[in-house]
Amino acid sequence: KKAGTSRKEMTNTAFFTFSGGEKAMAMYVPLFSAVYAKYQGGGADCPR
């Protein structure tokens, strides 16, 4: 979802309309979030 627009599915067509920075965000933001959420299942003293 971009500012001022409605939510859309991330298709290949949509991805290739993104700028270089937006493409990076589309790849790294979900990955970082998924890793963090997975690490939440570990103890407080576990390395992340």
All heavy atoms as atom14 arrays in JSON, in Angstrom:
{
  "sequence": "KKAGTSRKEMTNTAFFTFSGGEKAMAMYVPLFSAVYAKYQGGGADCPR",
  "atom14_mask": [
    [1, 1, 1, 1, 1, 1, 1, 1, 1, 0, 0, 0, 0, 0],
    [1, 1, 1, 1, 1, 1, 1, 1, 1, 0, 0, 0, 0, 0],
    [1, 1, 1, 1, 1, 0, 0, 0, 0, 0, 0, 0, 0, 0],
    [1, 1, 1, 1, 0, 0, 0, 0, 0, 0, 0, 0, 0, 0],
    [1, 1, 1, 1, 1, 1, 1, 0, 0, 0, 0, 0, 0, 0],
    [1, 1, 1, 1, 1, 1, 0, 0, 0, 0, 0, 0, 0, 0],
    [1, 1, 1, 1, 1, 1, 1, 1, 1, 1, 1, 0, 0, 0],
    [1, 1, 1, 1, 1, 1, 1, 1, 1, 0, 0, 0, 0, 0],
    [1, 1, 1, 1, 1, 1, 1, 1, 1, 0, 0, 0, 0, 0],
    [1, 1, 1, 1, 1, 1, 1, 1, 0, 0, 0, 0, 0, 0],
    [1, 1, 1, 1, 1, 1, 1, 0, 0, 0, 0, 0, 0, 0],
    [1, 1, 1, 1, 1, 1, 1, 1, 0, 0, 0, 0, 0, 0],
    [1, 1, 1, 1, 1, 1, 1, 0, 0, 0, 0, 0, 0, 0],
    [1, 1, 1, 1, 1, 0, 0, 0, 0, 0, 0, 0, 0, 0],
    [1, 1, 1, 1, 1, 1, 1, 1, 1, 1, 1, 0, 0, 0],
    [1, 1, 1, 1, 1, 1, 1, 1, 1, 1, 1, 0, 0, 0],
    [1, 1, 1, 1, 1, 1, 1, 0, 0, 0, 0, 0, 0, 0],
    [1, 1, 1, 1, 1, 1, 1, 1, 1, 1, 1, 0, 0, 0],
    [1, 1, 1, 1, 1, 1, 0, 0, 0, 0, 0, 0, 0, 0],
    [1, 1, 1, 1, 0, 0, 0, 0, 0, 0, 0, 0, 0, 0],
    [1, 1, 1, 1, 0, 0, 0, 0, 0, 0, 0, 0, 0, 0],
    [1, 1, 1, 1, 1, 1, 1, 1, 1, 0, 0, 0, 0, 0],
    [1, 1, 1, 1, 1, 1, 1, 1, 1, 0, 0, 0, 0, 0],
    [1, 1, 1, 1, 1, 0, 0, 0, 0, 0, 0, 0, 0, 0],
    [1, 1, 1, 1, 1, 1, 1, 1, 0, 0, 0, 0, 0, 0],
    [1, 1, 1, 1, 1, 0, 0, 0, 0, 0, 0, 0, 0, 0],
    [1, 1, 1, 1, 1, 1, 1, 1, 0, 0, 0, 0, 0, 0],
    [1, 1, 1, 1, 1, 1, 1, 1, 1, 1, 1, 1, 0, 0],
    [1, 1, 1, 1, 1, 1, 1, 0, 0, 0, 0, 0, 0, 0],
    [1, 1, 1, 1, 1, 1, 1, 0, 0, 0, 0, 0, 0, 0],
    [1, 1, 1, 1, 1, 1, 1, 1, 0, 0, 0, 0, 0, 0],
    [1, 1, 1, 1, 1, 1, 1, 1, 1, 1, 1, 0, 0, 0],
    [1, 1, 1, 1, 1, 1, 0, 0, 0, 0, 0, 0, 0, 0],
    [1, 1, 1, 1, 1, 0, 0, 0, 0, 0, 0, 0, 0, 0],
    [1, 1, 1, 1, 1, 1, 1, 0, 0, 0, 0, 0, 0, 0],
    [1, 1, 1, 1, 1, 1, 1, 1, 1, 1, 1, 1, 0, 0],
    [1, 1, 1, 1, 1, 0, 0, 0, 0, 0, 0, 0, 0, 0],
    [1, 1, 1, 1, 1, 1, 1, 1, 1, 0, 0, 0, 0, 0],
    [1, 1, 1, 1, 1, 1, 1, 1, 1, 1, 1, 1, 0, 0],
    [1, 1, 1, 1, 1, 1, 1, 1, 1, 0, 0, 0, 0, 0],
    [1, 1, 1, 1, 0, 0, 0, 0, 0, 0, 0, 0, 0, 0],
    [1, 1, 1, 1, 0, 0, 0, 0, 0, 0, 0, 0, 0, 0],
    [1, 1, 1, 1, 0, 0, 0, 0, 0, 0, 0, 0, 0, 0],
    [1, 1, 1, 1, 1, 0, 0, 0, 0, 0, 0, 0, 0, 0],
    [1, 1, 1, 1, 1, 1, 1, 1, 0, 0, 0, 0, 0, 0],
    [1, 1, 1, 1, 1, 1, 0, 0, 0, 0, 0, 0, 0, 0],
    [1, 1, 1, 1, 1, 1, 1, 0, 0, 0, 0, 0, 0, 0],
    [1, 1, 1, 1, 1, 1, 1, 1, 1, 1, 1, 0, 0, 0]
  ],
  "atom14_positions": [
    [[0.86, -1.19, 0.0], [0.0, 0.0, 0.0], [0.89, 1.23, 0.0], [1.68, 1.43, 0.91], [-0.91, 0.01, 1.22], [-1.92, 1.16, 1.24], [-2.8, 1.1, 2.48], [-3.89, 2.17, 2.45], [-3.32, 3.55, 2.3], [0.0, 0.0, 0.0], [0.0, 0.0, 0.0], [0.0, 0.0, 0.0], [0.0, 0.0, 0.0], [0.0, 0.0, 0.0]],
    [[0.75, 2.03, -1.04], [1.46, 3.29, -1.11], [0.57, 4.41, -0.57], [-0.65, 4.27, -0.52], [1.87, 3.6, -2.55], [2.89, 2.64, -3.13], [3.33, 3.08, -4.52], [4.39, 2.15, -5.07], [4.87, 2.58, -6.41], [0.0, 0.0, 0.0], [0.0, 0.0, 0.0], [0.0, 0.0, 0.0], [0.0, 0.0, 0.0], [0.0, 0.0, 0.0]],
    [[1.19, 5.49, -0.16], [0.43, 6.61, 0.4], [-0.63, 7.09, -0.59], [-0.33, 7.34, -1.76], [1.38, 7.76, 0.74], [0.0, 0.0, 0.0], [0.0, 0.0, 0.0], [0.0, 0.0, 0.0], [0.0, 0.0, 0.0], [0.0, 0.0, 0.0], [0.0, 0.0, 0.0], [0.0, 0.0, 0.0], [0.0, 0.0, 0.0], [0.0, 0.0, 0.0]],
    [[-1.87, 7.2, -0.11], [-2.95, 7.7, -0.94], [-3.57, 6.7, -1.88], [-4.4, 7.06, -2.72], [0.0, 0.0, 0.0], [0.0, 0.0, 0.0], [0.0, 0.0, 0.0], [0.0, 0.0, 0.0], [0.0, 0.0, 0.0], [0.0, 0.0, 0.0], [0.0, 0.0, 0.0], [0.0, 0.0, 0.0], [0.0, 0.0, 0.0], [0.0, 0.0, 0.0]],
    [[-3.17, 5.43, -1.78], [-3.72, 4.39, -2.65], [-4.29, 3.25, -1.8], [-4.03, 3.16, -0.6], [-2.66, 3.81, -3.6], [-1.66, 3.1, -2.83], [-1.98, 4.92, -4.39], [0.0, 0.0, 0.0], [0.0, 0.0, 0.0], [0.0, 0.0, 0.0], [0.0, 0.0, 0.0], [0.0, 0.0, 0.0], [0.0, 0.0, 0.0], [0.0, 0.0, 0.0]],
    [[-5.07, 2.39, -2.43], [-5.62, 1.23, -1.73], [-4.63, 0.07, -1.75], [-3.67, 0.07, -2.53], [-6.94, 0.8, -2.39], [-6.72, 0.49, -3.75], [0.0, 0.0, 0.0], [0.0, 0.0, 0.0], [0.0, 0.0, 0.0], [0.0, 0.0, 0.0], [0.0, 0.0, 0.0], [0.0, 0.0, 0.0], [0.0, 0.0, 0.0], [0.0, 0.0, 0.0]],
    [[-4.87, -0.92, -0.92], [-3.99, -2.08, -0.85], [-4.1, -2.92, -2.11], [-5.18, -3.15, -2.63], [-4.36, -2.94, 0.37], [-3.35, -4.01, 0.68], [-3.76, -4.84, 1.88], [-4.76, -5.84, 1.53], [-4.9, -7.01, 2.16], [-4.12, -7.31, 3.17], [-5.85, -7.85, 1.8], [0.0, 0.0, 0.0], [0.0, 0.0, 0.0], [0.0, 0.0, 0.0]],
    [[-2.95, -3.38, -2.63], [-2.91, -4.2, -3.83], [-2.0, -5.41, -3.6], [-1.07, -5.36, -2.8], [-2.39, -3.39, -5.02], [-3.23, -2.18, -5.38], [-2.62, -1.41, -6.53], [-3.45, -0.18, -6.87], [-2.83, 0.61, -7.97], [0.0, 0.0, 0.0], [0.0, 0.0, 0.0], [0.0, 0.0, 0.0], [0.0, 0.0, 0.0], [0.0, 0.0, 0.0]],
    [[-2.29, -6.48, -4.33], [-1.46, -7.68, -4.22], [-0.13, -7.45, -4.94], [-0.09, -6.82, -6.01], [-2.16, -8.89, -4.82], [-1.37, -10.19, -4.65], [-2.07, -11.41, -5.19], [-3.23, -11.26, -5.67], [-1.47, -12.5, -5.18], [0.0, 0.0, 0.0], [0.0, 0.0, 0.0], [0.0, 0.0, 0.0], [0.0, 0.0, 0.0], [0.0, 0.0, 0.0]],
    [[0.94, -7.99, -4.34], [2.26, -7.87, -4.94], [2.42, -8.94, -6.02], [2.8, -10.08, -5.74], [3.35, -8.01, -3.88], [4.77, -7.99, -4.44], [5.18, -6.4, -5.16], [5.39, -5.44, -3.67], [0.0, 0.0, 0.0], [0.0, 0.0, 0.0], [0.0, 0.0, 0.0], [0.0, 0.0, 0.0], [0.0, 0.0, 0.0], [0.0, 0.0, 0.0]],
    [[2.12, -8.6, -7.23], [2.32, -9.49, -8.36], [3.65, -9.17, -9.03], [4.28, -8.15, -8.73], [1.18, -9.33, -9.39], [1.19, -7.97, -9.87], [-0.18, -9.62, -8.75], [0.0, 0.0, 0.0], [0.0, 0.0, 0.0], [0.0, 0.0, 0.0], [0.0, 0.0, 0.0], [0.0, 0.0, 0.0], [0.0, 0.0, 0.0], [0.0, 0.0, 0.0]],
    [[4.08, -10.03, -9.96], [5.31, -9.74, -10.69], [5.19, -8.43, -11.46], [6.13, -7.63, -11.53], [5.62, -10.89, -11.67], [6.13, -12.12, -10.95], [6.65, -12.04, -9.86], [5.96, -13.27, -11.58], [0.0, 0.0, 0.0], [0.0, 0.0, 0.0], [0.0, 0.0, 0.0], [0.0, 0.0, 0.0], [0.0, 0.0, 0.0], [0.0, 0.0, 0.0]],
    [[4.01, -8.21, -12.05], [3.78, -6.98, -12.81], [3.93, -5.75, -11.92], [4.59, -4.77, -12.29], [2.38, -6.98, -13.45], [2.25, -8.13, -14.3], [2.15, -5.72, -14.26], [0.0, 0.0, 0.0], [0.0, 0.0, 0.0], [0.0, 0.0, 0.0], [0.0, 0.0, 0.0], [0.0, 0.0, 0.0], [0.0, 0.0, 0.0], [0.0, 0.0, 0.0]],
    [[3.32, -5.8, -10.73], [3.42, -4.67, -9.81], [4.86, -4.47, -9.34], [5.35, -3.33, -9.26], [2.5, -4.9, -8.61], [0.0, 0.0, 0.0], [0.0, 0.0, 0.0], [0.0, 0.0, 0.0], [0.0, 0.0, 0.0], [0.0, 0.0, 0.0], [0.0, 0.0, 0.0], [0.0, 0.0, 0.0], [0.0, 0.0, 0.0], [0.0, 0.0, 0.0]],
    [[5.55, -5.57, -9.04], [6.92, -5.49, -8.54], [7.83, -4.78, -9.53], [8.67, -3.95, -9.15], [7.44, -6.89, -8.24], [8.86, -6.93, -7.73], [9.14, -6.63, -6.4], [9.91, -7.26, -8.57], [10.44, -6.67, -5.92], [11.21, -7.29, -8.1], [11.48, -7.0, -6.78], [0.0, 0.0, 0.0], [0.0, 0.0, 0.0], [0.0, 0.0, 0.0]],
    [[7.68, -5.08, -10.82], [8.58, -4.51, -11.82], [8.23, -3.07, -12.19], [8.94, -2.45, -12.99], [8.61, -5.4, -13.06], [9.38, -6.68, -12.85], [8.72, -7.9, -12.82], [10.75, -6.65, -12.63], [9.42, -9.08, -12.59], [11.46, -7.83, -12.41], [10.8, -9.05, -12.39], [0.0, 0.0, 0.0], [0.0, 0.0, 0.0], [0.0, 0.0, 0.0]],
    [[7.16, -2.53, -11.6], [6.89, -1.1, -11.77], [7.54, -0.28, -10.65], [7.53, 0.94, -10.7], [5.38, -0.82, -11.77], [4.82, -1.18, -10.5], [4.68, -1.6, -12.88], [0.0, 0.0, 0.0], [0.0, 0.0, 0.0], [0.0, 0.0, 0.0], [0.0, 0.0, 0.0], [0.0, 0.0, 0.0], [0.0, 0.0, 0.0], [0.0, 0.0, 0.0]],
    [[8.07, -0.96, -9.63], [8.67, -0.28, -8.49], [10.03, 0.31, -8.86], [10.72, -0.17, -9.77], [8.87, -1.26, -7.34], [7.63, -1.57, -6.55], [6.38, -1.18, -7.0], [7.71, -2.27, -5.35], [5.24, -1.47, -6.28], [6.58, -2.57, -4.63], [5.34, -2.18, -5.09], [0.0, 0.0, 0.0], [0.0, 0.0, 0.0], [0.0, 0.0, 0.0]],
    [[10.41, 1.32, -8.11], [11.76, 1.86, -8.22], [12.72, 0.87, -7.55], [12.29, -0.08, -6.88], [11.85, 3.21, -7.52], [11.65, 3.05, -6.12], [0.0, 0.0, 0.0], [0.0, 0.0, 0.0], [0.0, 0.0, 0.0], [0.0, 0.0, 0.0], [0.0, 0.0, 0.0], [0.0, 0.0, 0.0], [0.0, 0.0, 0.0], [0.0, 0.0, 0.0]],
    [[14.01, 1.1, -7.72], [15.0, 0.21, -7.11], [14.85, 0.13, -5.6], [14.92, -0.95, -5.01], [0.0, 0.0, 0.0], [0.0, 0.0, 0.0], [0.0, 0.0, 0.0], [0.0, 0.0, 0.0], [0.0, 0.0, 0.0], [0.0, 0.0, 0.0], [0.0, 0.0, 0.0], [0.0, 0.0, 0.0], [0.0, 0.0, 0.0], [0.0, 0.0, 0.0]],
    [[14.6, 1.28, -4.98], [14.43, 1.31, -3.52], [13.18, 0.58, -3.08], [13.18, -0.14, -2.07], [0.0, 0.0, 0.0], [0.0, 0.0, 0.0], [0.0, 0.0, 0.0], [0.0, 0.0, 0.0], [0.0, 0.0, 0.0], [0.0, 0.0, 0.0], [0.0, 0.0, 0.0], [0.0, 0.0, 0.0], [0.0, 0.0, 0.0], [0.0, 0.0, 0.0]],
    [[12.09, 0.74, -3.83], [10.84, 0.07, -3.48], [10.97, -1.44, -3.64], [10.42, -2.21, -2.85], [9.71, 0.61, -4.35], [9.3, 2.04, -4.0], [8.31, 2.62, -4.99], [8.25, 2.13, -6.14], [7.58, 3.56, -4.62], [0.0, 0.0, 0.0], [0.0, 0.0, 0.0], [0.0, 0.0, 0.0], [0.0, 0.0, 0.0], [0.0, 0.0, 0.0]],
    [[11.7, -1.88, -4.66], [11.93, -3.31, -4.84], [12.7, -3.88, -3.66], [12.41, -4.98, -3.18], [12.7, -3.57, -6.14], [11.89, -3.36, -7.4], [12.74, -3.59, -8.64], [11.93, -3.39, -9.91], [12.75, -3.54, -11.13], [0.0, 0.0, 0.0], [0.0, 0.0, 0.0], [0.0, 0.0, 0.0], [0.0, 0.0, 0.0], [0.0, 0.0, 0.0]],
    [[13.68, -3.12, -3.19], [14.46, -3.57, -2.04], [13.58, -3.69, -0.8], [13.67, -4.67, -0.06], [15.61, -2.59, -1.77], [0.0, 0.0, 0.0], [0.0, 0.0, 0.0], [0.0, 0.0, 0.0], [0.0, 0.0, 0.0], [0.0, 0.0, 0.0], [0.0, 0.0, 0.0], [0.0, 0.0, 0.0], [0.0, 0.0, 0.0], [0.0, 0.0, 0.0]],
    [[12.71, -2.71, -0.61], [11.81, -2.75, 0.53], [10.89, -3.97, 0.44], [10.61, -4.64, 1.44], [10.97, -1.48, 0.59], [11.76, -0.2, 0.74], [12.72, -0.14, 2.27], [11.41, 0.11, 3.44], [0.0, 0.0, 0.0], [0.0, 0.0, 0.0], [0.0, 0.0, 0.0], [0.0, 0.0, 0.0], [0.0, 0.0, 0.0], [0.0, 0.0, 0.0]],
    [[10.41, -4.26, -0.78], [9.49, -5.38, -0.97], [10.16, -6.71, -0.67], [9.49, -7.67, -0.27], [8.97, -5.39, -2.41], [0.0, 0.0, 0.0], [0.0, 0.0, 0.0], [0.0, 0.0, 0.0], [0.0, 0.0, 0.0], [0.0, 0.0, 0.0], [0.0, 0.0, 0.0], [0.0, 0.0, 0.0], [0.0, 0.0, 0.0], [0.0, 0.0, 0.0]],
    [[11.47, -6.78, -0.82], [12.19, -8.03, -0.53], [12.63, -8.11, 0.93], [12.45, -9.14, 1.58], [13.41, -8.14, -1.45], [13.04, -8.39, -2.91], [14.48, -8.7, -3.96], [15.27, -7.09, -3.95], [0.0, 0.0, 0.0], [0.0, 0.0, 0.0], [0.0, 0.0, 0.0], [0.0, 0.0, 0.0], [0.0, 0.0, 0.0], [0.0, 0.0, 0.0]],
    [[13.21, -7.03, 1.43], [13.84, -7.09, 2.75], [12.87, -6.91, 3.91], [13.03, -7.55, 4.96], [14.95, -6.04, 2.85], [16.19, -6.41, 2.07], [16.54, -5.72, 0.92], [17.01, -7.45, 2.49], [17.68, -6.06, 0.2], [18.16, -7.79, 1.78], [18.49, -7.09, 0.63], [19.6, -7.44, -0.08], [0.0, 0.0, 0.0], [0.0, 0.0, 0.0]],
    [[11.86, -6.06, 3.76], [10.93, -5.82, 4.88], [10.22, -7.11, 5.31], [10.19, -7.45, 6.49], [9.92, -4.71, 4.54], [8.79, -4.67, 5.56], [10.63, -3.36, 4.5], [0.0, 0.0, 0.0], [0.0, 0.0, 0.0], [0.0, 0.0, 0.0], [0.0, 0.0, 0.0], [0.0, 0.0, 0.0], [0.0, 0.0, 0.0], [0.0, 0.0, 0.0]],
    [[9.63, -7.88, 4.37], [9.01, -9.14, 4.8], [10.01, -10.12, 5.4], [9.7, -10.82, 6.38], [8.41, -9.7, 3.5], [8.22, -8.51, 2.63], [9.35, -7.61, 2.94], [0.0, 0.0, 0.0], [0.0, 0.0, 0.0], [0.0, 0.0, 0.0], [0.0, 0.0, 0.0], [0.0, 0.0, 0.0], [0.0, 0.0, 0.0], [0.0, 0.0, 0.0]],
    [[11.22, -10.18, 4.84], [12.23, -11.11, 5.36], [12.66, -10.74, 6.77], [12.7, -11.6, 7.67], [13.45, -11.13, 4.44], [13.28, -11.86, 3.11], [14.51, -11.68, 2.24], [13.01, -13.34, 3.33], [0.0, 0.0, 0.0], [0.0, 0.0, 0.0], [0.0, 0.0, 0.0], [0.0, 0.0, 0.0], [0.0, 0.0, 0.0], [0.0, 0.0, 0.0]],
    [[12.98, -9.47, 6.99], [13.38, -9.03, 8.33], [12.26, -9.26, 9.34], [12.5, -9.69, 10.47], [13.77, -7.55, 8.32], [15.06, -7.25, 7.6], [15.37, -5.96, 7.2], [15.95, -8.26, 7.31], [16.55, -5.69, 6.55], [17.14, -7.99, 6.65], [17.45, -6.7, 6.27], [0.0, 0.0, 0.0], [0.0, 0.0, 0.0], [0.0, 0.0, 0.0]],
    [[11.03, -8.95, 8.93], [9.89, -9.12, 9.84], [9.67, -10.58, 10.18], [9.39, -10.93, 11.33], [8.63, -8.54, 9.19], [8.78, -7.18, 8.89], [0.0, 0.0, 0.0], [0.0, 0.0, 0.0], [0.0, 0.0, 0.0], [0.0, 0.0, 0.0], [0.0, 0.0, 0.0], [0.0, 0.0, 0.0], [0.0, 0.0, 0.0], [0.0, 0.0, 0.0]],
    [[9.8, -11.46, 9.18], [9.6, -12.89, 9.41], [10.67, -13.45, 10.34], [10.37, -14.23, 11.26], [9.61, -13.64, 8.08], [0.0, 0.0, 0.0], [0.0, 0.0, 0.0], [0.0, 0.0, 0.0], [0.0, 0.0, 0.0], [0.0, 0.0, 0.0], [0.0, 0.0, 0.0], [0.0, 0.0, 0.0], [0.0, 0.0, 0.0], [0.0, 0.0, 0.0]],
    [[11.91, -13.03, 10.14], [13.0, -13.49, 11.01], [12.78, -13.02, 12.44], [12.93, -13.78, 13.4], [14.37, -12.98, 10.49], [15.46, -13.24, 11.51], [14.71, -13.68, 9.17], [0.0, 0.0, 0.0], [0.0, 0.0, 0.0], [0.0, 0.0, 0.0], [0.0, 0.0, 0.0], [0.0, 0.0, 0.0], [0.0, 0.0, 0.0], [0.0, 0.0, 0.0]],
    [[12.42, -11.75, 12.58], [12.18, -11.2, 13.92], [11.04, -11.94, 14.62], [11.15, -12.3, 15.8], [11.86, -9.71, 13.82], [11.54, -9.08, 15.17], [12.56, -8.66, 16.02], [10.23, -8.91, 15.59], [12.29, -8.09, 17.24], [9.94, -8.34, 16.82], [10.98, -7.93, 17.64], [10.7, -7.39, 18.87], [0.0, 0.0, 0.0], [0.0, 0.0, 0.0]],
    [[9.94, -12.15, 13.89], [8.8, -12.85, 14.49], [9.18, -14.27, 14.9], [8.73, -14.76, 15.94], [7.64, -12.88, 13.49], [0.0, 0.0, 0.0], [0.0, 0.0, 0.0], [0.0, 0.0, 0.0], [0.0, 0.0, 0.0], [0.0, 0.0, 0.0], [0.0, 0.0, 0.0], [0.0, 0.0, 0.0], [0.0, 0.0, 0.0], [0.0, 0.0, 0.0]],
    [[10.04, -14.91, 14.11], [10.49, -16.26, 14.46], [11.36, -16.23, 15.71], [11.23, -17.08, 16.59], [11.29, -16.84, 13.29], [11.67, -18.31, 13.46], [10.45, -19.2, 13.43], [10.83, -20.66, 13.49], [9.64, -21.55, 13.55], [0.0, 0.0, 0.0], [0.0, 0.0, 0.0], [0.0, 0.0, 0.0], [0.0, 0.0, 0.0], [0.0, 0.0, 0.0]],
    [[12.24, -15.24, 15.79], [13.12, -15.13, 16.96], [12.36, -14.81, 18.24], [12.85, -15.04, 19.34], [14.18, -14.05, 16.72], [15.36, -14.5, 15.9], [16.12, -13.59, 15.17], [15.74, -15.84, 15.86], [17.21, -13.99, 14.41], [16.82, -16.25, 15.11], [17.55, -15.33, 14.4], [18.64, -15.73, 13.65], [0.0, 0.0, 0.0], [0.0, 0.0, 0.0]],
    [[11.15, -14.27, 18.1], [10.35, -13.96, 19.28], [10.02, -15.23, 20.08], [9.69, -15.15, 21.25], [9.04, -13.28, 18.87], [9.2, -11.84, 18.42], [9.59, -10.91, 19.54], [10.77, -10.82, 19.91], [8.63, -10.22, 20.11], [0.0, 0.0, 0.0], [0.0, 0.0, 0.0], [0.0, 0.0, 0.0], [0.0, 0.0, 0.0], [0.0, 0.0, 0.0]],
    [[10.1, -16.38, 19.42], [9.84, -17.63, 20.12], [10.99, -18.09, 20.98], [10.86, -19.05, 21.75], [0.0, 0.0, 0.0], [0.0, 0.0, 0.0], [0.0, 0.0, 0.0], [0.0, 0.0, 0.0], [0.0, 0.0, 0.0], [0.0, 0.0, 0.0], [0.0, 0.0, 0.0], [0.0, 0.0, 0.0], [0.0, 0.0, 0.0], [0.0, 0.0, 0.0]],
    [[12.13, -17.43, 20.89], [13.3, -17.8, 21.7], [13.31, -17.08, 23.03], [12.47, -16.22, 23.31], [0.0, 0.0, 0.0], [0.0, 0.0, 0.0], [0.0, 0.0, 0.0], [0.0, 0.0, 0.0], [0.0, 0.0, 0.0], [0.0, 0.0, 0.0], [0.0, 0.0, 0.0], [0.0, 0.0, 0.0], [0.0, 0.0, 0.0], [0.0, 0.0, 0.0]],
    [[14.24, -17.44, 23.87], [14.37, -16.8, 25.18], [14.91, -15.39, 25.06], [15.43, -14.98, 24.02], [0.0, 0.0, 0.0], [0.0, 0.0, 0.0], [0.0, 0.0, 0.0], [0.0, 0.0, 0.0], [0.0, 0.0, 0.0], [0.0, 0.0, 0.0], [0.0, 0.0, 0.0], [0.0, 0.0, 0.0], [0.0, 0.0, 0.0], [0.0, 0.0, 0.0]],
    [[14.79, -14.65, 26.15], [15.22, -13.24, 26.15], [16.72, -13.11, 25.92], [17.19, -12.08, 25.41], [14.83, -12.58, 27.47], [0.0, 0.0, 0.0], [0.0, 0.0, 0.0], [0.0, 0.0, 0.0], [0.0, 0.0, 0.0], [0.0, 0.0, 0.0], [0.0, 0.0, 0.0], [0.0, 0.0, 0.0], [0.0, 0.0, 0.0], [0.0, 0.0, 0.0]],
    [[17.49, -14.14, 26.31], [18.95, -14.07, 26.17], [19.46, -14.77, 24.92], [20.66, -14.93, 24.75], [19.62, -14.68, 27.41], [19.2, -16.13, 27.64], [18.2, -16.56, 27.02], [19.86, -16.82, 28.44], [0.0, 0.0, 0.0], [0.0, 0.0, 0.0], [0.0, 0.0, 0.0], [0.0, 0.0, 0.0], [0.0, 0.0, 0.0], [0.0, 0.0, 0.0]],
    [[18.56, -15.18, 24.03], [18.98, -15.87, 22.8], [19.5, -14.85, 21.78], [18.94, -13.76, 21.65], [17.82, -16.64, 22.18], [17.32, -18.09, 23.14], [0.0, 0.0, 0.0], [0.0, 0.0, 0.0], [0.0, 0.0, 0.0], [0.0, 0.0, 0.0], [0.0, 0.0, 0.0], [0.0, 0.0, 0.0], [0.0, 0.0, 0.0], [0.0, 0.0, 0.0]],
    [[20.58, -15.19, 21.08], [21.08, -14.27, 20.04], [20.11, -14.17, 18.88], [19.41, -15.13, 18.55], [22.4, -14.94, 19.6], [22.21, -16.38, 19.92], [21.37, -16.43, 21.16], [0.0, 0.0, 0.0], [0.0, 0.0, 0.0], [0.0, 0.0, 0.0], [0.0, 0.0, 0.0], [0.0, 0.0, 0.0], [0.0, 0.0, 0.0], [0.0, 0.0, 0.0]],
    [[20.06, -13.0, 18.25], [19.19, -12.78, 17.09], [20.08, -12.27, 15.96], [20.23, -11.06, 15.77], [18.09, -11.78, 17.43], [17.25, -12.22, 18.62], [16.13, -11.27, 18.9], [15.32, -11.73, 20.03], [14.13, -11.23, 20.35], [13.63, -10.24, 19.66], [13.46, -11.72, 21.38], [0.0, 0.0, 0.0], [0.0, 0.0, 0.0], [0.0, 0.0, 0.0]]
  ]
}
